[in-house]
Amino acid sequence: MGLSTNVSAGEVRLVVEEHFDIGCYDRFNQILTEHLDSAACIIVDFSHARYLDSSALGMLLLLREKLSDRSVKVAFENVNESLVELFRFAKFDQLFAINAQARQVS
């Protein structure tokens, strides 16, 4: 559980592992501190996310605030349907680029 990162050529990919909640706060801030100056793009990958709480939404707003004076792109990728609805309800779709998971056809 928590967050993992993959960094490649200016792209920082934060991978949410299962739960994104207050327990991720220290790791989230550590990642931002380490990569804020070198990142050209930050991707938050929700492909493994099962749970988000209000503190996770706060951390994402903190990310946006810390990047407000920089030309760093931020996008959410592999967002499942329930999280897409949550982000829309919270108006995050007006603040971030949100790319939903492709639906499985059976």
N, C-alpha and C. Protein backbone atom coordinates (compact mmCIF):
# COMPACT_ATOMS: atom_id res chain seq x y z
N MET A 1 0.83 -1.18 0.00
CA MET A 1 0.00 0.00 0.00
C MET A 1 0.87 1.24 0.00
N GLY A 2 0.32 2.34 -0.48
CA GLY A 2 1.05 3.58 -0.48
C GLY A 2 1.33 4.08 -1.87
N LEU A 3 2.51 4.65 -2.03
CA LEU A 3 2.92 5.23 -3.30
C LEU A 3 4.27 4.68 -3.71
N SER A 4 4.41 4.46 -4.99
CA SER A 4 5.72 4.15 -5.55
C SER A 4 5.95 5.11 -6.70
N THR A 5 7.19 5.22 -7.14
CA THR A 5 7.51 6.16 -8.22
C THR A 5 8.35 5.51 -9.29
N ASN A 6 8.17 6.02 -10.49
CA ASN A 6 9.03 5.71 -11.62
C ASN A 6 9.40 7.05 -12.22
N VAL A 7 10.70 7.28 -12.41
CA VAL A 7 11.16 8.55 -12.96
C VAL A 7 11.93 8.26 -14.22
N SER A 8 11.57 8.98 -15.29
CA SER A 8 12.23 8.79 -16.57
C SER A 8 12.15 10.06 -17.39
N ALA A 9 13.29 10.60 -17.74
CA ALA A 9 13.39 11.75 -18.65
C ALA A 9 12.42 12.88 -18.31
N GLY A 10 12.42 13.31 -17.06
CA GLY A 10 11.59 14.43 -16.66
C GLY A 10 10.16 14.06 -16.29
N GLU A 11 9.75 12.80 -16.52
CA GLU A 11 8.42 12.37 -16.14
C GLU A 11 8.49 11.65 -14.81
N VAL A 12 7.70 12.13 -13.88
CA VAL A 12 7.59 11.48 -12.57
C VAL A 12 6.23 10.81 -12.52
N ARG A 13 6.23 9.50 -12.39
CA ARG A 13 4.98 8.74 -12.32
C ARG A 13 4.80 8.27 -10.88
N LEU A 14 3.74 8.79 -10.24
CA LEU A 14 3.36 8.37 -8.90
C LEU A 14 2.33 7.26 -9.06
N VAL A 15 2.62 6.10 -8.58
CA VAL A 15 1.70 4.97 -8.70
C VAL A 15 1.03 4.75 -7.34
N VAL A 16 -0.29 4.91 -7.32
CA VAL A 16 -1.05 4.69 -6.10
C VAL A 16 -1.23 3.19 -5.93
N GLU A 17 -0.74 2.66 -4.83
CA GLU A 17 -0.81 1.23 -4.54
C GLU A 17 -1.90 0.99 -3.51
N GLU A 18 -3.07 0.54 -3.96
CA GLU A 18 -4.20 0.19 -3.10
C GLU A 18 -4.86 1.41 -2.46
N HIS A 19 -4.33 1.90 -1.33
CA HIS A 19 -4.96 2.97 -0.56
C HIS A 19 -4.16 4.26 -0.70
N PHE A 20 -4.86 5.36 -0.95
CA PHE A 20 -4.25 6.68 -0.98
C PHE A 20 -4.97 7.47 0.11
N ASP A 21 -4.29 7.60 1.25
CA ASP A 21 -4.90 8.23 2.41
C ASP A 21 -3.83 8.94 3.22
N ILE A 22 -4.17 9.37 4.42
CA ILE A 22 -3.25 10.14 5.25
C ILE A 22 -1.94 9.39 5.52
N GLY A 23 -1.98 8.08 5.47
CA GLY A 23 -0.76 7.29 5.67
C GLY A 23 0.27 7.48 4.56
N CYS A 24 -0.14 8.07 3.44
CA CYS A 24 0.75 8.32 2.31
C CYS A 24 1.38 9.72 2.35
N TYR A 25 0.96 10.53 3.32
CA TYR A 25 1.34 11.94 3.33
C TYR A 25 2.85 12.15 3.34
N ASP A 26 3.57 11.47 4.23
CA ASP A 26 5.03 11.66 4.31
C ASP A 26 5.72 11.23 3.02
N ARG A 27 5.32 10.10 2.48
CA ARG A 27 5.91 9.61 1.22
C ARG A 27 5.60 10.56 0.07
N PHE A 28 4.37 11.05 0.02
CA PHE A 28 3.96 11.99 -1.02
C PHE A 28 4.82 13.25 -0.97
N ASN A 29 5.00 13.82 0.21
CA ASN A 29 5.83 15.02 0.35
C ASN A 29 7.29 14.74 0.01
N GLN A 30 7.79 13.57 0.38
CA GLN A 30 9.15 13.18 0.05
C GLN A 30 9.35 13.14 -1.46
N ILE A 31 8.40 12.55 -2.17
CA ILE A 31 8.47 12.46 -3.63
C ILE A 31 8.45 13.85 -4.24
N LEU A 32 7.56 14.70 -3.77
CA LEU A 32 7.50 16.06 -4.30
C LEU A 32 8.81 16.81 -4.07
N THR A 33 9.35 16.70 -2.88
CA THR A 33 10.59 17.39 -2.54
C THR A 33 11.74 16.91 -3.43
N GLU A 34 11.81 15.60 -3.65
CA GLU A 34 12.90 15.03 -4.45
C GLU A 34 12.82 15.40 -5.93
N HIS A 35 11.61 15.54 -6.47
CA HIS A 35 11.46 15.65 -7.92
C HIS A 35 10.84 16.95 -8.42
N LEU A 36 10.47 17.84 -7.52
CA LEU A 36 9.75 19.04 -7.92
C LEU A 36 10.55 19.90 -8.91
N ASP A 37 11.82 20.04 -8.68
CA ASP A 37 12.63 20.92 -9.53
C ASP A 37 13.00 20.29 -10.87
N SER A 38 12.99 18.97 -10.97
CA SER A 38 13.41 18.32 -12.20
C SER A 38 12.26 17.80 -13.06
N ALA A 39 11.06 17.82 -12.54
CA ALA A 39 9.92 17.24 -13.26
C ALA A 39 9.38 18.18 -14.33
N ALA A 40 9.16 17.63 -15.50
CA ALA A 40 8.47 18.35 -16.57
C ALA A 40 7.01 17.91 -16.62
N CYS A 41 6.76 16.71 -16.11
CA CYS A 41 5.42 16.13 -16.14
C CYS A 41 5.27 15.20 -14.93
N ILE A 42 4.13 15.32 -14.26
CA ILE A 42 3.83 14.42 -13.16
C ILE A 42 2.55 13.67 -13.51
N ILE A 43 2.66 12.36 -13.53
CA ILE A 43 1.53 11.49 -13.81
C ILE A 43 1.17 10.77 -12.51
N VAL A 44 -0.08 10.84 -12.12
CA VAL A 44 -0.56 10.07 -10.97
C VAL A 44 -1.33 8.89 -11.56
N ASP A 45 -0.78 7.70 -11.37
CA ASP A 45 -1.33 6.47 -11.94
C ASP A 45 -2.21 5.77 -10.91
N PHE A 46 -3.51 5.69 -11.21
CA PHE A 46 -4.48 5.10 -10.30
C PHE A 46 -4.86 3.68 -10.68
N SER A 47 -4.06 3.01 -11.50
CA SER A 47 -4.43 1.67 -11.98
C SER A 47 -4.57 0.65 -10.86
N HIS A 48 -3.88 0.84 -9.74
CA HIS A 48 -3.97 -0.10 -8.62
C HIS A 48 -4.74 0.47 -7.44
N ALA A 49 -5.31 1.65 -7.60
CA ALA A 49 -6.01 2.32 -6.50
C ALA A 49 -7.32 1.62 -6.18
N ARG A 50 -7.56 1.42 -4.91
CA ARG A 50 -8.81 0.83 -4.45
C ARG A 50 -9.57 1.79 -3.53
N TYR A 51 -8.83 2.75 -2.92
CA TYR A 51 -9.45 3.61 -1.92
C TYR A 51 -8.74 4.96 -1.89
N LEU A 52 -9.52 6.03 -1.87
CA LEU A 52 -9.03 7.39 -1.66
C LEU A 52 -9.89 8.02 -0.58
N ASP A 53 -9.29 8.84 0.25
CA ASP A 53 -10.10 9.58 1.21
C ASP A 53 -9.87 11.07 1.01
N SER A 54 -10.47 11.87 1.86
CA SER A 54 -10.39 13.33 1.70
C SER A 54 -8.95 13.84 1.85
N SER A 55 -8.13 13.17 2.63
CA SER A 55 -6.74 13.61 2.75
C SER A 55 -5.99 13.41 1.43
N ALA A 56 -6.35 12.38 0.67
CA ALA A 56 -5.74 12.18 -0.65
C ALA A 56 -6.13 13.31 -1.58
N LEU A 57 -7.39 13.72 -1.54
CA LEU A 57 -7.81 14.86 -2.36
C LEU A 57 -7.04 16.11 -1.96
N GLY A 58 -6.82 16.28 -0.66
CA GLY A 58 -6.03 17.41 -0.18
C GLY A 58 -4.59 17.36 -0.68
N MET A 59 -4.01 16.17 -0.71
CA MET A 59 -2.64 16.05 -1.21
C MET A 59 -2.56 16.39 -2.69
N LEU A 60 -3.58 16.00 -3.45
CA LEU A 60 -3.59 16.33 -4.88
C LEU A 60 -3.74 17.84 -5.09
N LEU A 61 -4.52 18.49 -4.24
CA LEU A 61 -4.61 19.95 -4.31
C LEU A 61 -3.29 20.60 -3.90
N LEU A 62 -2.61 20.01 -2.93
CA LEU A 62 -1.29 20.49 -2.54
C LEU A 62 -0.31 20.39 -3.69
N LEU A 63 -0.37 19.29 -4.41
CA LEU A 63 0.46 19.10 -5.60
C LEU A 63 0.22 20.24 -6.59
N ARG A 64 -1.03 20.50 -6.87
CA ARG A 64 -1.39 21.57 -7.81
C ARG A 64 -0.88 22.92 -7.33
N GLU A 65 -1.02 23.18 -6.03
CA GLU A 65 -0.57 24.44 -5.46
C GLU A 65 0.95 24.59 -5.58
N LYS A 66 1.68 23.52 -5.27
CA LYS A 66 3.15 23.58 -5.34
C LYS A 66 3.64 23.77 -6.77
N LEU A 67 2.83 23.36 -7.76
CA LEU A 67 3.23 23.49 -9.15
C LEU A 67 2.67 24.73 -9.82
N SER A 68 1.93 25.54 -9.09
CA SER A 68 1.22 26.66 -9.70
C SER A 68 2.13 27.68 -10.39
N ASP A 69 3.34 27.83 -9.91
CA ASP A 69 4.26 28.79 -10.53
C ASP A 69 5.29 28.12 -11.45
N ARG A 70 5.05 26.88 -11.80
CA ARG A 70 5.96 26.13 -12.67
C ARG A 70 5.19 25.63 -13.89
N SER A 71 5.92 25.35 -14.94
CA SER A 71 5.27 24.84 -16.15
C SER A 71 5.36 23.31 -16.19
N VAL A 72 4.84 22.68 -15.17
CA VAL A 72 4.84 21.23 -15.05
C VAL A 72 3.42 20.73 -15.31
N LYS A 73 3.30 19.80 -16.24
CA LYS A 73 2.00 19.20 -16.53
C LYS A 73 1.68 18.15 -15.49
N VAL A 74 0.40 18.06 -15.12
CA VAL A 74 -0.06 17.04 -14.18
C VAL A 74 -1.25 16.34 -14.81
N ALA A 75 -1.24 15.02 -14.75
CA ALA A 75 -2.35 14.24 -15.28
C ALA A 75 -2.60 13.03 -14.40
N PHE A 76 -3.87 12.62 -14.34
CA PHE A 76 -4.25 11.39 -13.67
C PHE A 76 -4.51 10.36 -14.75
N GLU A 77 -3.93 9.18 -14.61
CA GLU A 77 -4.10 8.13 -15.60
C GLU A 77 -4.67 6.87 -14.97
N ASN A 78 -5.31 6.06 -15.82
CA ASN A 78 -5.86 4.77 -15.41
C ASN A 78 -6.82 4.89 -14.24
N VAL A 79 -7.70 5.89 -14.33
CA VAL A 79 -8.65 6.16 -13.26
C VAL A 79 -9.90 5.31 -13.48
N ASN A 80 -10.28 4.51 -12.48
CA ASN A 80 -11.47 3.66 -12.63
C ASN A 80 -12.74 4.51 -12.55
N GLU A 81 -13.86 3.92 -12.93
CA GLU A 81 -15.13 4.65 -13.04
C GLU A 81 -15.55 5.31 -11.74
N SER A 82 -15.40 4.63 -10.63
CA SER A 82 -15.83 5.22 -9.36
C SER A 82 -14.98 6.41 -8.98
N LEU A 83 -13.68 6.34 -9.28
CA LEU A 83 -12.82 7.50 -8.99
C LEU A 83 -13.08 8.64 -9.95
N VAL A 84 -13.40 8.33 -11.21
CA VAL A 84 -13.78 9.39 -12.15
C VAL A 84 -14.97 10.15 -11.61
N GLU A 85 -15.97 9.42 -11.11
CA GLU A 85 -17.15 10.07 -10.53
C GLU A 85 -16.79 10.91 -9.32
N LEU A 86 -15.94 10.39 -8.45
CA LEU A 86 -15.49 11.15 -7.28
C LEU A 86 -14.80 12.43 -7.71
N PHE A 87 -13.88 12.33 -8.68
CA PHE A 87 -13.16 13.51 -9.14
C PHE A 87 -14.10 14.52 -9.79
N ARG A 88 -15.08 14.05 -10.54
CA ARG A 88 -16.06 14.96 -11.13
C ARG A 88 -16.89 15.65 -10.06
N PHE A 89 -17.33 14.89 -9.08
CA PHE A 89 -18.12 15.45 -7.99
C PHE A 89 -17.33 16.53 -7.25
N ALA A 90 -16.04 16.30 -7.04
CA ALA A 90 -15.18 17.26 -6.34
C ALA A 90 -14.65 18.35 -7.27
N LYS A 91 -15.07 18.34 -8.54
CA LYS A 91 -14.67 19.33 -9.55
C LYS A 91 -13.18 19.24 -9.91
N PHE A 92 -12.55 18.10 -9.62
CA PHE A 92 -11.15 17.91 -9.98
C PHE A 92 -10.97 17.82 -11.49
N ASP A 93 -12.02 17.47 -12.21
CA ASP A 93 -11.92 17.42 -13.67
C ASP A 93 -11.71 18.81 -14.26
N GLN A 94 -11.96 19.86 -13.48
CA GLN A 94 -11.71 21.22 -13.91
C GLN A 94 -10.29 21.67 -13.58
N LEU A 95 -9.59 20.88 -12.75
CA LEU A 95 -8.25 21.24 -12.29
C LEU A 95 -7.15 20.37 -12.88
N PHE A 96 -7.50 19.13 -13.23
CA PHE A 96 -6.51 18.15 -13.68
C PHE A 96 -7.00 17.46 -14.96
N ALA A 97 -6.06 16.98 -15.76
CA ALA A 97 -6.39 16.11 -16.89
C ALA A 97 -6.61 14.72 -16.31
N ILE A 98 -7.78 14.13 -16.58
CA ILE A 98 -8.13 12.83 -16.01
C ILE A 98 -8.39 11.86 -17.16
N ASN A 99 -7.60 10.80 -17.22
CA ASN A 99 -7.73 9.78 -18.25
C ASN A 99 -8.23 8.49 -17.62
N ALA A 100 -9.44 8.10 -17.98
CA ALA A 100 -10.07 6.91 -17.40
C ALA A 100 -9.45 5.64 -17.93
N GLN A 101 -9.64 4.56 -17.16
CA GLN A 101 -9.21 3.24 -17.62
C GLN A 101 -10.06 2.83 -18.79
N ALA A 102 -9.46 2.10 -19.71
CA ALA A 102 -10.22 1.54 -20.81
C ALA A 102 -11.13 0.45 -20.25
N ARG A 103 -12.35 0.41 -20.71
CA ARG A 103 -13.28 -0.62 -20.25
C ARG A 103 -12.92 -1.96 -20.86
N GLN A 104 -13.09 -2.99 -20.04
CA GLN A 104 -12.85 -4.36 -20.51
C GLN A 104 -14.10 -4.83 -21.23
N VAL A 105 -13.94 -5.34 -22.42
CA VAL A 105 -15.06 -5.89 -23.18
C VAL A 105 -15.02 -7.40 -23.05
N SER A 106 -16.13 -7.99 -22.61
CA SER A 106 -16.13 -9.45 -22.44
C SER A 106 -17.08 -10.12 -23.39
